[in-house]
N, C-alpha and C. Protein backbone atom coordinates (compact mmCIF):
# COMPACT_ATOMS: atom_id res chain seq x y z
N MET A 1 0.85 -1.17 0.00
CA MET A 1 0.00 0.00 0.00
C MET A 1 0.90 1.24 0.00
N ALA A 2 0.67 2.13 -0.93
CA ALA A 2 1.49 3.34 -1.06
C ALA A 2 0.98 4.42 -0.12
N MET A 3 1.93 5.17 0.42
CA MET A 3 1.56 6.30 1.29
C MET A 3 1.34 7.53 0.43
N THR A 4 0.40 8.33 0.84
CA THR A 4 0.16 9.58 0.14
C THR A 4 1.15 10.63 0.64
N LEU A 5 1.26 11.70 -0.09
CA LEU A 5 2.14 12.78 0.31
C LEU A 5 1.70 13.36 1.66
N ARG A 6 0.40 13.44 1.86
CA ARG A 6 -0.13 13.95 3.14
C ARG A 6 0.33 13.07 4.30
N GLY A 7 0.29 11.76 4.12
CA GLY A 7 0.72 10.85 5.16
C GLY A 7 2.19 10.99 5.49
N VAL A 8 3.01 11.16 4.46
CA VAL A 8 4.45 11.33 4.67
C VAL A 8 4.73 12.64 5.40
N VAL A 9 4.03 13.70 5.02
CA VAL A 9 4.22 15.00 5.68
C VAL A 9 3.77 14.93 7.14
N LEU A 10 2.68 14.27 7.41
CA LEU A 10 2.19 14.15 8.79
C LEU A 10 3.17 13.35 9.66
N ILE A 11 3.72 12.28 9.12
CA ILE A 11 4.70 11.50 9.87
C ILE A 11 5.95 12.35 10.14
N GLY A 12 6.41 13.06 9.12
CA GLY A 12 7.58 13.92 9.29
C GLY A 12 7.34 15.02 10.31
N ALA A 13 6.15 15.62 10.27
CA ALA A 13 5.83 16.69 11.21
C ALA A 13 5.75 16.15 12.64
N ASN A 14 5.17 14.96 12.80
CA ASN A 14 5.10 14.36 14.13
C ASN A 14 6.48 14.01 14.67
N LEU A 15 7.34 13.46 13.82
CA LEU A 15 8.70 13.15 14.26
C LEU A 15 9.46 14.41 14.65
N PHE A 16 9.29 15.47 13.88
CA PHE A 16 9.93 16.75 14.20
C PHE A 16 9.41 17.28 15.53
N ALA A 17 8.10 17.20 15.75
CA ALA A 17 7.51 17.69 17.00
C ALA A 17 8.00 16.87 18.19
N ILE A 18 8.17 15.57 18.01
CA ILE A 18 8.68 14.73 19.09
C ILE A 18 10.09 15.14 19.47
N VAL A 19 10.93 15.39 18.46
CA VAL A 19 12.31 15.82 18.72
C VAL A 19 12.33 17.17 19.42
N VAL A 20 11.51 18.11 18.97
CA VAL A 20 11.48 19.44 19.58
C VAL A 20 10.99 19.37 21.03
N CYS A 21 9.91 18.64 21.27
CA CYS A 21 9.39 18.53 22.64
C CYS A 21 10.38 17.80 23.54
N GLY A 22 11.02 16.76 23.03
CA GLY A 22 12.04 16.07 23.80
C GLY A 22 13.22 16.96 24.10
N GLY A 23 13.61 17.78 23.13
CA GLY A 23 14.71 18.71 23.35
C GLY A 23 14.38 19.74 24.42
N LEU A 24 13.15 20.27 24.36
CA LEU A 24 12.73 21.22 25.39
C LEU A 24 12.74 20.57 26.77
N GLY A 25 12.26 19.34 26.84
CA GLY A 25 12.26 18.62 28.10
C GLY A 25 13.67 18.36 28.60
N GLY A 26 14.56 17.98 27.70
CA GLY A 26 15.94 17.73 28.09
C GLY A 26 16.64 18.97 28.61
N ILE A 27 16.40 20.08 27.95
CA ILE A 27 16.98 21.35 28.40
C ILE A 27 16.43 21.72 29.77
N ALA A 28 15.13 21.54 29.95
CA ALA A 28 14.52 21.85 31.25
C ALA A 28 15.06 20.93 32.35
N GLY A 29 15.20 19.64 32.04
CA GLY A 29 15.73 18.70 33.03
C GLY A 29 17.17 19.03 33.40
N TYR A 30 17.98 19.35 32.40
CA TYR A 30 19.36 19.72 32.67
C TYR A 30 19.42 21.00 33.50
N GLY A 31 18.60 21.98 33.14
CA GLY A 31 18.57 23.23 33.90
C GLY A 31 18.17 23.02 35.35
N LEU A 32 17.22 22.11 35.56
CA LEU A 32 16.78 21.84 36.93
C LEU A 32 17.89 21.20 37.76
N ILE A 33 18.55 20.18 37.22
CA ILE A 33 19.60 19.55 38.03
C ILE A 33 20.80 20.47 38.20
N HIS A 34 21.04 21.34 37.22
CA HIS A 34 22.13 22.31 37.36
C HIS A 34 21.78 23.33 38.45
N THR A 35 20.53 23.79 38.47
CA THR A 35 20.08 24.75 39.47
C THR A 35 20.11 24.14 40.87
N LEU A 36 19.68 22.89 40.99
CA LEU A 36 19.65 22.22 42.29
C LEU A 36 21.00 21.61 42.66
N ASP A 37 21.97 21.70 41.77
CA ASP A 37 23.33 21.17 41.98
C ASP A 37 23.29 19.68 42.34
N LEU A 38 22.55 18.92 41.54
CA LEU A 38 22.45 17.48 41.74
C LEU A 38 23.37 16.77 40.75
N SER A 39 23.78 15.56 41.12
CA SER A 39 24.58 14.75 40.21
C SER A 39 24.33 13.29 40.51
N GLY A 40 24.90 12.41 39.70
CA GLY A 40 24.78 10.98 39.92
C GLY A 40 23.39 10.46 39.58
N VAL A 41 23.05 9.38 40.25
CA VAL A 41 21.78 8.70 39.98
C VAL A 41 20.60 9.59 40.33
N VAL A 42 20.69 10.28 41.45
CA VAL A 42 19.59 11.16 41.87
C VAL A 42 19.37 12.26 40.82
N GLY A 43 20.46 12.87 40.37
CA GLY A 43 20.35 13.90 39.35
C GLY A 43 19.77 13.38 38.06
N ALA A 44 20.17 12.17 37.66
CA ALA A 44 19.65 11.58 36.43
C ALA A 44 18.16 11.29 36.54
N LEU A 45 17.73 10.77 37.69
CA LEU A 45 16.31 10.48 37.88
C LEU A 45 15.47 11.75 37.90
N VAL A 46 15.95 12.76 38.60
CA VAL A 46 15.22 14.04 38.66
C VAL A 46 15.15 14.66 37.27
N ALA A 47 16.28 14.65 36.55
CA ALA A 47 16.31 15.23 35.20
C ALA A 47 15.37 14.48 34.26
N ALA A 48 15.38 13.15 34.32
CA ALA A 48 14.52 12.36 33.44
C ALA A 48 13.04 12.62 33.74
N PHE A 49 12.69 12.66 35.02
CA PHE A 49 11.29 12.91 35.39
C PHE A 49 10.85 14.30 34.94
N ALA A 50 11.67 15.31 35.20
CA ALA A 50 11.34 16.68 34.80
C ALA A 50 11.26 16.79 33.28
N ALA A 51 12.18 16.14 32.58
CA ALA A 51 12.20 16.20 31.13
C ALA A 51 10.93 15.58 30.54
N MET A 52 10.51 14.46 31.10
CA MET A 52 9.30 13.82 30.59
C MET A 52 8.06 14.67 30.84
N LEU A 53 8.00 15.31 32.00
CA LEU A 53 6.86 16.18 32.29
C LEU A 53 6.81 17.37 31.32
N VAL A 54 7.95 18.03 31.15
CA VAL A 54 7.99 19.20 30.26
C VAL A 54 7.68 18.79 28.83
N ALA A 55 8.24 17.67 28.37
CA ALA A 55 7.98 17.21 27.01
C ALA A 55 6.49 16.88 26.81
N ALA A 56 5.88 16.24 27.79
CA ALA A 56 4.46 15.90 27.68
C ALA A 56 3.60 17.16 27.65
N PHE A 57 3.92 18.13 28.51
CA PHE A 57 3.15 19.37 28.51
C PHE A 57 3.37 20.16 27.23
N ALA A 58 4.58 20.15 26.68
CA ALA A 58 4.85 20.85 25.42
C ALA A 58 4.07 20.19 24.29
N TRP A 59 4.01 18.87 24.28
CA TRP A 59 3.26 18.15 23.25
C TRP A 59 1.77 18.49 23.36
N ALA A 60 1.24 18.48 24.59
CA ALA A 60 -0.18 18.79 24.79
C ALA A 60 -0.49 20.23 24.41
N ALA A 61 0.40 21.15 24.76
CA ALA A 61 0.17 22.56 24.41
C ALA A 61 0.21 22.75 22.90
N GLY A 62 1.15 22.11 22.24
CA GLY A 62 1.23 22.22 20.79
C GLY A 62 0.02 21.61 20.10
N SER A 63 -0.43 20.50 20.62
CA SER A 63 -1.62 19.85 20.06
C SER A 63 -2.86 20.73 20.23
N ALA A 64 -3.01 21.31 21.42
CA ALA A 64 -4.16 22.20 21.66
C ALA A 64 -4.09 23.44 20.79
N LEU A 65 -2.88 23.97 20.62
CA LEU A 65 -2.72 25.15 19.76
C LEU A 65 -3.09 24.84 18.32
N LEU A 66 -2.62 23.71 17.80
CA LEU A 66 -2.95 23.34 16.42
C LEU A 66 -4.44 23.07 16.25
N GLN A 67 -5.06 22.47 17.26
CA GLN A 67 -6.50 22.22 17.18
C GLN A 67 -7.29 23.54 17.18
N THR A 68 -6.83 24.49 17.99
CA THR A 68 -7.49 25.81 18.03
C THR A 68 -7.32 26.54 16.72
N ILE A 69 -6.13 26.50 16.17
CA ILE A 69 -5.87 27.18 14.90
C ILE A 69 -6.69 26.55 13.78
N SER A 70 -6.82 25.22 13.79
CA SER A 70 -7.54 24.54 12.71
C SER A 70 -9.03 24.89 12.71
N ARG A 71 -9.55 25.32 13.83
CA ARG A 71 -10.97 25.71 13.88
C ARG A 71 -11.22 26.99 13.10
N PHE A 72 -10.20 27.83 12.97
CA PHE A 72 -10.36 29.09 12.28
C PHE A 72 -10.01 29.01 10.80
N LEU A 73 -9.55 27.86 10.35
CA LEU A 73 -9.18 27.71 8.94
C LEU A 73 -10.27 27.10 8.13
């Protein structure tokens, strides 16, 4: 079964959004452990938890924004 151009673009856009949200989460996690001066296993766990939260919220915010914008188009 061949993919349409729309399907390829949607997959590419989703992959790009995943990378961007993950990057934002990673930066936030690193900033948090740097601010709290944590290191080792505790720092890694705190950074991973914070990164996942920020990435999930960024994904949800982006999804809500796109849904809102699509209502006006």
